[in-house]
Amino acid sequence: MDASTHPSPSALRAAHERFVTGPGGPPQVRLLVADSWRRCAGGLVRPDGSRLPPVRRTAGDLVAYRRTHRLAAVLPLFRELLGSGAADDGHVFAVGDRDGTLLWVEGDTTTIGQAERMHFAEGALWSEAQAGTNAPGTALAVGRPVQIVAGEHYSSAAHAWSCAAAPVRDPGTGRVLGVVDLTGGDTIATAPALAAVRAAALAAEAELARALPAPPVLLGSDGCVPDRPKPDARADVRLAALGRDSALLEYAGRTHRLSARHSEIVVALTLRARGMTGDRLAVDLSEREVPPSTLRAEVTRLRAVLGPDLVGSRPYALLRPVHTDFGAVADLLAGGRVDRALARYRGPLLPRSEAPVVVEHRRALEQLLRGAVLGSGDAAVLRRWVDADWGADDATAWRYLARHLPGGSPQRAAAAARAHALDAVLAVPPQAGGHAAWLQRCGS
């Protein structure tokens, strides 16, 4: 059962009631939620909502703590990506530390006041152990993005709310720094809301990576910086993984067509440029447990294909810089060159891959590109988007195209008709607007 097919509120309430009132079969909820409920059942959280999360930090203490926290550097980015939309649509966004303490809670003023009644407030501890099943706490507990809807919360005090959250990792070490969250009503119980926090977390990690110090320069025996060898053009590594399930890797004058699993491993190592442990790589590759022996065998086979001078171990890493097609698209978007980014975009990243790290980056890149296309105001760019397979059913893009074509143009009428037809199929009201409507539509 995925985030788009949650049970009805009444079914969730019934499942929660059965679980907390007596023994029986397994909870009739998603496995993620059932596992969390079982962890909560033996802890301090009361399912009836009579024990709220504790407020651990005073206002003065919190100010000093936030000032030195690593996530303070990316708070402006979170505000840009999530904050304004949350305020417009009656939601809140929150940023917490690795223990689940909420450092910042911002958004709609009325909603913030309502959230404070259940102690969803700055300084409160929303770890799973203290608050029960909830998106920020459970995301930290399992180490990946999660969405918790209404009655999936273990504490009934939160049953009127839905939330989506994603952990944020230190790009240098892979360790969790904290969590970013969206909390509110029914609109948060959608796949696009989960994609939004995933994208925000990935963007924050990219921002933090840019601030990492350069590696130290090793001196020679004479105390001087040794001459750097001239770059070898044959040593350049290029990876093409957009719109294909088997990535192409060019290295040392050869082109390798990688298997689906090796494609996922290389993409994962590219995204974690400083390397990672086997445990981290296993989590990136599958939501299920990957035996260490299986992972070692896969990496060994990959090293046999590409060579030990390219694939390292302890930690697992790519030993040379890799130029990727998906990185090129992201760089062009960052530079505001939407038309060139769209021209370089050959399709979703490893489209059939279900590896969590690939899924997250694929969705984030799609979301960034789509947002740039819609914001470009360029009819030619919009036309190229809707003419592609991934944009053909994008009702909002068709509507934007109609808006930017000349009045009286047959193409404008055709674009408007296409948008209207898609709205009817998807049952999305044409007049819906704002951040909530964008969240609903961008997941389609």
Protein backbone atom coordinates (compact mmCIF):
# COMPACT_ATOMS: atom_id res chain seq x y z
CA MET A 1 0.00 0.00 0.00
CA ASP A 2 1.61 3.30 -1.05
CA ALA A 3 1.07 6.90 -0.03
CA SER A 4 -1.58 7.44 -2.68
CA THR A 5 -3.85 4.62 -1.43
CA HIS A 6 -4.27 5.25 2.26
CA PRO A 7 -7.32 3.63 3.92
CA SER A 8 -10.29 5.86 4.70
CA PRO A 9 -10.26 7.82 7.99
CA SER A 10 -12.95 5.53 9.43
CA ALA A 11 -10.97 2.40 8.51
CA LEU A 12 -7.85 3.87 10.13
CA ARG A 13 -9.75 4.73 13.31
CA ALA A 14 -11.12 1.20 13.47
CA ALA A 15 -7.67 -0.34 12.92
CA HIS A 16 -6.20 1.89 15.61
CA GLU A 17 -8.97 1.00 18.05
CA ARG A 18 -8.51 -2.73 17.45
CA PHE A 19 -4.76 -2.46 17.97
CA VAL A 20 -4.81 -0.48 21.22
CA THR A 21 -7.74 -2.24 22.93
CA GLY A 22 -6.69 -5.84 22.73
CA PRO A 23 -4.56 -8.57 21.19
CA GLY A 24 -5.33 -9.91 17.76
CA GLY A 25 -3.96 -10.28 14.29
CA PRO A 26 -1.58 -7.88 12.62
CA PRO A 27 -2.77 -4.25 12.33
CA GLN A 28 -4.71 -3.56 9.13
CA VAL A 29 -2.41 -0.71 8.13
CA ARG A 30 0.69 -0.23 6.03
CA LEU A 31 3.72 -2.23 7.14
CA LEU A 32 5.61 1.00 7.93
CA VAL A 33 2.81 2.07 10.27
CA ALA A 34 2.30 -1.38 11.81
CA ASP A 35 6.00 -1.63 12.66
CA SER A 36 5.91 1.84 14.20
CA TRP A 37 2.80 1.04 16.27
CA ARG A 38 4.52 -2.05 17.64
CA ARG A 39 7.54 0.02 18.65
CA CYS A 40 5.27 2.57 20.32
CA ALA A 41 3.20 -0.03 22.17
CA GLY A 42 6.05 -0.85 24.52
CA GLY A 43 7.06 2.76 25.11
CA LEU A 44 5.91 5.91 26.86
CA VAL A 45 3.34 7.13 24.35
CA ARG A 46 -0.31 6.78 25.24
CA PRO A 47 -2.56 5.99 22.27
CA ASP A 48 -5.46 7.97 23.76
CA GLY A 49 -3.53 11.22 23.36
CA SER A 50 -3.41 11.96 27.09
CA ARG A 51 0.39 12.33 27.09
CA LEU A 52 1.68 15.01 24.71
CA PRO A 53 5.29 15.27 23.51
CA PRO A 54 7.49 17.06 26.06
CA VAL A 55 8.84 20.56 25.43
CA ARG A 56 12.54 20.11 26.07
CA ARG A 57 14.04 23.50 25.22
CA THR A 58 13.10 26.94 26.53
CA ALA A 59 12.90 29.91 24.17
CA GLY A 60 16.28 31.30 25.19
CA ASP A 61 17.99 27.91 25.04
CA LEU A 62 16.46 27.22 21.64
CA VAL A 63 17.71 30.48 20.13
CA ALA A 64 21.30 29.68 21.06
CA TYR A 65 21.01 26.06 19.92
CA ARG A 66 19.49 26.95 16.54
CA ARG A 67 22.17 29.53 15.84
CA THR A 68 24.89 26.89 15.75
CA HIS A 69 22.91 24.04 14.17
CA ARG A 70 24.01 22.91 10.70
CA LEU A 71 20.46 23.15 9.32
CA ALA A 72 20.34 26.89 10.11
CA ALA A 73 22.37 27.39 6.93
CA VAL A 74 19.61 25.87 4.77
CA LEU A 75 16.61 27.37 6.59
CA PRO A 76 16.22 30.08 3.89
CA LEU A 77 16.10 27.31 1.28
CA PHE A 78 13.38 25.46 3.22
CA ARG A 79 11.41 28.68 3.53
CA GLU A 80 11.66 29.24 -0.22
CA LEU A 81 10.69 25.68 -1.19
CA LEU A 82 8.04 24.93 1.47
CA GLY A 83 7.37 27.93 3.69
CA SER A 84 5.46 30.35 1.46
CA GLY A 85 3.23 27.60 0.08
CA ALA A 86 2.51 26.25 3.55
CA ALA A 87 1.49 29.70 4.77
CA ASP A 88 -0.78 30.24 1.77
CA ASP A 89 -2.58 26.92 2.16
CA GLY A 90 -3.07 26.68 5.90
CA HIS A 91 -0.20 24.30 6.63
CA VAL A 92 3.00 24.47 8.61
CA PHE A 93 6.49 23.33 7.81
CA ALA A 94 8.92 22.29 10.49
CA VAL A 95 12.63 21.56 10.77
CA GLY A 96 13.90 19.29 13.55
CA ASP A 97 17.24 18.05 14.77
CA ARG A 98 18.44 14.43 14.65
CA ASP A 99 16.76 13.66 18.00
CA GLY A 100 13.37 14.96 16.80
CA THR A 101 13.35 18.30 18.65
CA LEU A 102 11.49 20.85 16.52
CA LEU A 103 13.79 23.81 15.88
CA TRP A 104 11.57 25.87 13.59
CA VAL A 105 7.81 25.66 13.03
CA GLU A 106 6.50 28.18 10.50
CA GLY A 107 3.55 28.68 8.18
CA ASP A 108 -0.09 29.64 8.64
CA THR A 109 -0.60 31.50 11.92
CA THR A 110 -3.93 29.87 12.75
CA THR A 111 -2.60 26.40 12.02
CA ILE A 112 0.49 27.04 14.15
CA GLY A 113 -1.80 27.91 17.07
CA GLN A 114 -3.83 24.73 16.55
CA ALA A 115 -0.68 22.62 16.28
CA GLU A 116 0.68 24.07 19.53
CA ARG A 117 -2.29 22.54 21.38
CA MET A 118 -0.80 19.11 20.72
CA HIS A 119 2.70 20.45 21.46
CA PHE A 120 3.74 20.54 17.81
CA ALA A 121 5.82 23.59 18.58
CA GLU A 122 9.38 24.85 18.60
CA GLY A 123 11.35 23.13 21.34
CA ALA A 124 9.05 20.08 21.57
CA LEU A 125 10.47 16.58 21.14
CA TRP A 126 8.69 14.73 18.32
CA SER A 127 10.78 11.59 18.24
CA GLU A 128 8.78 8.42 17.69
CA ALA A 129 9.56 7.32 21.26
CA GLN A 130 8.08 10.52 22.72
CA ALA A 131 5.31 11.41 20.25
CA GLY A 132 4.35 8.06 18.74
CA THR A 133 4.03 7.37 15.04
CA ASN A 134 4.44 10.69 13.21
CA ALA A 135 6.23 11.75 10.04
CA PRO A 136 9.24 13.58 11.54
CA GLY A 137 9.83 11.02 14.29
CA THR A 138 9.25 7.96 12.15
CA ALA A 139 11.37 9.35 9.29
CA LEU A 140 14.22 9.66 11.78
CA ALA A 141 13.52 6.18 13.15
CA VAL A 142 13.65 4.45 9.74
CA GLY A 143 16.08 6.80 8.01
CA ARG A 144 13.97 7.58 4.95
CA PRO A 145 11.10 9.86 3.85
CA VAL A 146 7.69 8.87 5.22
CA GLN A 147 4.10 10.08 5.19
CA ILE A 148 1.69 9.57 8.07
CA VAL A 149 -2.00 10.20 7.51
CA ALA A 150 -4.67 10.94 10.12
CA GLY A 151 -5.42 7.75 12.10
CA GLU A 152 -2.03 6.28 11.25
CA HIS A 153 -0.64 8.40 14.11
CA TYR A 154 -0.25 6.28 17.23
CA SER A 155 -1.47 9.09 19.49
CA SER A 156 -5.10 10.02 18.88
CA ALA A 157 -4.19 13.63 19.68
CA ALA A 158 -2.77 13.83 16.14
CA HIS A 159 -5.57 12.01 14.29
CA ALA A 160 -6.85 15.23 12.72
CA TRP A 161 -3.51 15.86 11.06
CA SER A 162 -1.45 14.47 8.19
CA CYS A 163 2.27 14.97 7.70
CA ALA A 164 5.17 14.14 5.38
CA ALA A 165 8.83 14.33 6.34
CA ALA A 166 12.30 13.46 5.08
CA PRO A 167 15.62 13.16 6.91
CA VAL A 168 18.45 15.51 5.92
CA ARG A 169 21.94 14.01 5.86
CA ASP A 170 25.41 15.45 6.14
CA PRO A 171 26.74 15.13 2.56
CA GLY A 172 30.23 14.55 3.91
CA THR A 173 29.51 11.68 6.28
CA GLY A 174 26.01 10.45 5.41
CA ARG A 175 24.90 10.93 9.02
CA VAL A 176 21.45 12.34 9.72
CA LEU A 177 21.48 16.03 10.69
CA GLY A 178 17.75 16.42 11.17
CA VAL A 179 14.40 16.31 9.43
CA VAL A 180 12.15 18.57 7.34
CA ASP A 181 8.36 18.22 7.58
CA LEU A 182 5.05 19.42 6.16
CA THR A 183 2.05 19.16 8.49
CA GLY A 184 -1.57 20.05 7.85
CA GLY A 185 -4.79 18.68 6.46
CA ASP A 186 -5.87 16.44 3.61
CA THR A 187 -3.58 18.03 1.01
CA ILE A 188 -0.57 16.70 2.91
CA ALA A 189 -1.99 13.17 2.52
CA THR A 190 -0.86 13.09 -1.13
CA ALA A 191 2.10 11.73 -3.04
CA PRO A 192 3.17 15.23 -4.21
CA ALA A 193 3.49 16.40 -0.60
CA LEU A 194 5.89 13.55 0.10
CA ALA A 195 7.77 14.40 -3.09
CA ALA A 196 8.01 18.02 -1.96
CA VAL A 197 9.75 17.21 1.31
CA ARG A 198 12.00 14.71 -0.47
CA ALA A 199 13.02 17.41 -2.93
CA ALA A 200 13.58 19.93 -0.13
CA ALA A 201 15.84 17.49 1.74
CA LEU A 202 17.85 16.72 -1.40
CA ALA A 203 18.19 20.42 -2.20
CA ALA A 204 19.41 21.09 1.35
CA GLU A 205 21.99 18.32 1.10
CA ALA A 206 23.23 19.74 -2.21
CA GLU A 207 23.50 23.20 -0.61
CA LEU A 208 25.45 21.80 2.34
CA ALA A 209 27.73 19.88 -0.02
CA ARG A 210 28.72 23.11 -1.76
CA ALA A 211 29.91 24.49 1.57
CA LEU A 212 32.18 21.52 2.36
CA PRO A 213 35.86 22.42 2.63
CA ALA A 214 38.22 21.29 -0.09
CA PRO A 215 40.28 18.21 0.77
CA PRO A 216 43.67 19.01 2.30
CA VAL A 217 46.68 19.34 0.04
CA LEU A 218 49.39 16.74 0.78
CA LEU A 219 52.95 18.09 0.81
CA GLY A 220 55.90 16.31 -0.68
CA SER A 221 58.95 15.18 1.30
CA ASP A 222 60.56 18.58 0.69
CA GLY A 223 57.60 20.36 2.27
CA CYS A 224 56.40 21.75 -1.04
CA VAL A 225 53.20 21.13 -2.93
CA PRO A 226 54.02 18.51 -5.56
CA ASP A 227 53.34 19.24 -9.18
CA ARG A 228 49.94 18.06 -10.22
CA PRO A 229 49.91 15.61 -13.09
CA LYS A 230 48.34 16.89 -16.24
CA PRO A 231 44.74 15.78 -16.60
CA ASP A 232 44.25 12.76 -18.79
CA ALA A 233 41.27 13.22 -21.09
CA ARG A 234 40.86 9.45 -21.17
CA ALA A 235 40.32 9.52 -17.39
CA ASP A 236 37.11 11.55 -17.66
CA VAL A 237 34.08 9.55 -16.56
CA ARG A 238 30.69 10.25 -18.11
CA LEU A 239 27.42 8.68 -17.05
CA ALA A 240 24.15 8.76 -19.00
CA ALA A 241 21.16 7.56 -16.95
CA LEU A 242 18.24 9.75 -18.03
CA GLY A 243 15.47 7.98 -19.90
CA ARG A 244 17.20 4.59 -19.79
CA ASP A 245 17.13 1.61 -17.40
CA SER A 246 20.69 0.53 -18.23
CA ALA A 247 23.07 3.42 -17.70
CA LEU A 248 25.95 4.06 -20.10
CA LEU A 249 29.32 4.80 -18.50
CA GLU A 250 32.22 6.08 -20.60
CA TYR A 251 35.68 5.69 -19.10
CA ALA A 252 39.20 5.29 -20.45
CA GLY A 253 38.01 5.21 -24.03
CA ARG A 254 35.42 2.48 -23.44
CA THR A 255 31.64 2.57 -23.10
CA HIS A 256 30.04 0.18 -20.60
CA ARG A 257 26.33 -0.65 -20.67
CA LEU A 258 25.63 -1.37 -17.01
CA SER A 259 23.07 -3.82 -15.66
CA ALA A 260 20.04 -2.41 -13.87
CA ARG A 261 21.56 -3.07 -10.41
CA HIS A 262 24.99 -1.76 -11.37
CA SER A 263 23.29 1.33 -12.80
CA GLU A 264 21.65 1.93 -9.42
CA ILE A 265 24.92 1.44 -7.56
CA VAL A 266 26.82 3.85 -9.80
CA VAL A 267 24.08 6.48 -9.54
CA ALA A 268 24.04 6.09 -5.75
CA LEU A 269 27.84 6.46 -5.55
CA THR A 270 27.68 9.49 -7.84
CA LEU A 271 25.11 11.18 -5.60
CA ARG A 272 27.19 10.41 -2.48
CA ALA A 273 30.42 11.71 -3.96
CA ARG A 274 32.48 11.30 -0.78
CA GLY A 275 31.67 7.62 -0.48
CA MET A 276 29.56 5.61 1.93
CA THR A 277 29.49 2.53 4.09
CA GLY A 278 27.93 -0.72 2.97
CA ASP A 279 25.02 -0.16 5.37
CA ARG A 280 24.30 3.25 3.83
CA LEU A 281 24.53 1.89 0.29
CA ALA A 282 22.16 -0.97 1.18
CA VAL A 283 19.56 1.52 2.46
CA ASP A 284 19.95 3.62 -0.68
CA LEU A 285 19.39 0.61 -2.93
CA SER A 286 16.38 -1.07 -1.31
CA GLU A 287 13.68 -0.61 1.31
CA ARG A 288 14.17 -4.28 2.14
CA GLU A 289 17.22 -5.59 3.94
CA VAL A 290 20.10 -6.35 1.59
CA PRO A 291 22.49 -8.99 3.01
CA PRO A 292 26.05 -7.62 3.23
CA SER A 293 27.35 -10.62 1.28
CA THR A 294 24.96 -9.84 -1.60
CA LEU A 295 26.02 -6.21 -1.68
CA ARG A 296 29.73 -7.09 -1.59
CA ALA A 297 29.23 -9.51 -4.47
CA GLU A 298 27.48 -6.87 -6.58
CA VAL A 299 30.20 -4.29 -5.95
CA THR A 300 32.89 -6.88 -6.66
CA ARG A 301 31.28 -7.63 -10.02
CA LEU A 302 31.03 -3.91 -10.74
CA ARG A 303 34.74 -3.45 -9.94
CA ALA A 304 35.52 -6.32 -12.28
CA VAL A 305 33.66 -4.51 -15.06
CA LEU A 306 34.96 -0.98 -14.45
CA GLY A 307 38.29 -1.65 -12.73
CA PRO A 308 39.56 -1.07 -9.18
CA ASP A 309 40.99 2.33 -10.17
CA LEU A 310 37.43 3.61 -10.60
CA VAL A 311 35.40 1.78 -7.91
CA GLY A 312 36.80 1.87 -4.39
CA SER A 313 35.77 0.12 -1.19
CA ARG A 314 35.96 1.00 2.52
CA PRO A 315 34.16 3.26 1.90
CA TYR A 316 32.40 2.41 -1.34
CA ALA A 317 33.12 5.28 -3.69
CA LEU A 318 33.85 6.31 -7.25
CA LEU A 319 37.49 7.34 -7.32
CA ARG A 320 37.22 9.87 -10.14
CA PRO A 321 34.82 12.77 -10.77
CA VAL A 322 31.83 11.70 -12.84
CA HIS A 323 30.05 13.97 -15.30
CA THR A 324 26.40 12.91 -15.37
CA ASP A 325 23.57 13.87 -17.67
CA PHE A 326 21.23 14.38 -14.70
CA GLY A 327 23.82 16.58 -12.99
CA ALA A 328 24.13 18.64 -16.16
CA VAL A 329 20.36 19.24 -16.19
CA ALA A 330 20.42 20.31 -12.53
CA ASP A 331 23.34 22.68 -13.18
CA LEU A 332 21.55 24.28 -16.12
CA LEU A 333 18.43 24.78 -14.01
CA ALA A 334 20.50 26.34 -11.24
CA GLY A 335 21.86 28.78 -13.83
CA GLY A 336 18.36 29.66 -15.06
CA ARG A 337 18.90 28.06 -18.48
CA VAL A 338 15.59 26.26 -18.66
CA ASP A 339 15.53 25.77 -22.43
CA ARG A 340 18.92 24.05 -22.44
CA ALA A 341 18.04 21.97 -19.38
CA LEU A 342 14.90 20.73 -21.11
CA ALA A 343 16.90 19.94 -24.25
CA ARG A 344 19.33 17.82 -22.18
CA TYR A 345 16.55 16.00 -20.31
CA ARG A 346 16.09 12.62 -22.02
CA GLY A 347 13.54 11.32 -19.57
CA PRO A 348 13.29 10.22 -15.92
CA LEU A 349 16.37 8.93 -14.12
CA LEU A 350 16.50 5.10 -14.43
CA PRO A 351 12.70 5.08 -14.98
CA ARG A 352 11.97 1.57 -13.68
CA SER A 353 14.32 1.66 -10.70
CA GLU A 354 12.74 1.37 -7.26
CA ALA A 355 15.96 2.06 -5.35
CA PRO A 356 15.06 4.74 -2.77
CA VAL A 357 17.98 7.01 -3.63
CA VAL A 358 17.11 6.86 -7.34
CA VAL A 359 13.40 7.41 -6.71
CA GLU A 360 14.10 10.45 -4.53
CA HIS A 361 16.50 12.06 -6.99
CA ARG A 362 14.30 11.21 -9.97
CA ARG A 363 11.27 12.89 -8.39
CA ALA A 364 13.27 15.88 -7.20
CA LEU A 365 14.77 16.50 -10.64
CA GLU A 366 11.39 16.09 -12.36
CA GLN A 367 9.83 18.52 -9.90
CA LEU A 368 12.58 21.13 -10.31
CA LEU A 369 12.47 20.89 -14.11
CA ARG A 370 8.68 21.06 -14.26
CA GLY A 371 8.60 24.07 -11.94
CA ALA A 372 11.18 25.86 -14.07
CA VAL A 373 9.25 25.09 -17.26
CA LEU A 374 5.99 26.39 -15.81
CA GLY A 375 7.71 29.49 -14.49
CA SER A 376 9.54 30.26 -17.72
CA GLY A 377 6.57 31.93 -19.43
CA ASP A 378 8.05 30.71 -22.72
CA ALA A 379 5.49 29.14 -25.05
CA ALA A 380 8.19 27.26 -26.98
CA VAL A 381 9.55 25.68 -23.79
CA LEU A 382 6.05 24.79 -22.60
CA ARG A 383 5.26 23.26 -25.99
CA ARG A 384 8.37 21.04 -25.81
CA TRP A 385 7.32 19.92 -22.32
CA VAL A 386 3.77 18.87 -23.26
CA ASP A 387 5.00 17.24 -26.48
CA ALA A 388 7.21 14.89 -24.44
CA ASP A 389 5.85 11.67 -22.94
CA TRP A 390 6.34 12.92 -19.36
CA GLY A 391 4.45 16.18 -20.00
CA ALA A 392 1.68 15.00 -22.29
CA ASP A 393 -0.86 14.60 -19.47
CA ASP A 394 0.20 17.66 -17.48
CA ALA A 395 -3.02 19.69 -17.33
CA THR A 396 -1.34 22.68 -15.68
CA ALA A 397 1.34 22.86 -18.38
CA TRP A 398 -1.31 22.78 -21.12
CA ARG A 399 -3.15 25.59 -19.32
CA TYR A 400 0.05 27.64 -19.05
CA LEU A 401 0.74 27.04 -22.74
CA ALA A 402 -2.73 28.30 -23.68
CA ARG A 403 -2.14 31.39 -21.54
CA HIS A 404 1.12 32.25 -23.32
CA LEU A 405 -0.02 31.66 -26.92
CA PRO A 406 -1.42 34.58 -28.96
CA GLY A 407 -5.11 35.31 -28.52
CA GLY A 408 -7.28 33.83 -31.23
CA SER A 409 -4.64 31.27 -32.14
CA PRO A 410 -6.04 27.81 -32.99
CA GLN A 411 -3.14 26.33 -31.03
CA ARG A 412 -4.26 28.31 -27.97
CA ALA A 413 -7.77 26.94 -28.25
CA ALA A 414 -6.41 23.42 -28.71
CA ALA A 415 -4.15 23.74 -25.65
CA ALA A 416 -7.02 25.04 -23.52
CA ALA A 417 -9.24 22.18 -24.69
CA ARG A 418 -6.56 19.64 -23.83
CA ALA A 419 -6.20 21.12 -20.33
CA HIS A 420 -9.96 21.01 -19.85
CA ALA A 421 -10.13 17.38 -20.98
CA LEU A 422 -7.33 16.36 -18.61
CA ASP A 423 -9.01 18.17 -15.72
CA ALA A 424 -12.18 16.20 -16.40
CA VAL A 425 -10.29 12.90 -16.48
CA LEU A 426 -8.30 13.63 -13.33
CA ALA A 427 -11.28 15.23 -11.55
CA VAL A 428 -9.21 18.29 -10.66
CA PRO A 429 -11.36 21.48 -10.59
CA PRO A 430 -10.00 23.91 -13.21
CA GLN A 431 -10.47 26.85 -10.83
CA ALA A 432 -8.31 25.31 -8.09
CA GLY A 433 -5.17 27.31 -7.42
CA GLY A 434 -2.41 27.91 -4.96
CA HIS A 435 0.11 25.60 -3.38
CA ALA A 436 -2.46 22.91 -2.51
CA ALA A 437 -3.62 22.57 -6.10
CA TRP A 438 -0.03 22.48 -7.29
CA LEU A 439 0.72 19.65 -4.89
CA GLN A 440 -2.26 17.70 -6.18
CA ARG A 441 -1.41 18.15 -9.83
CA CYS A 442 2.36 17.85 -9.85
CA GLY A 443 2.17 14.23 -8.75
CA SER A 444 0.17 13.18 -11.79
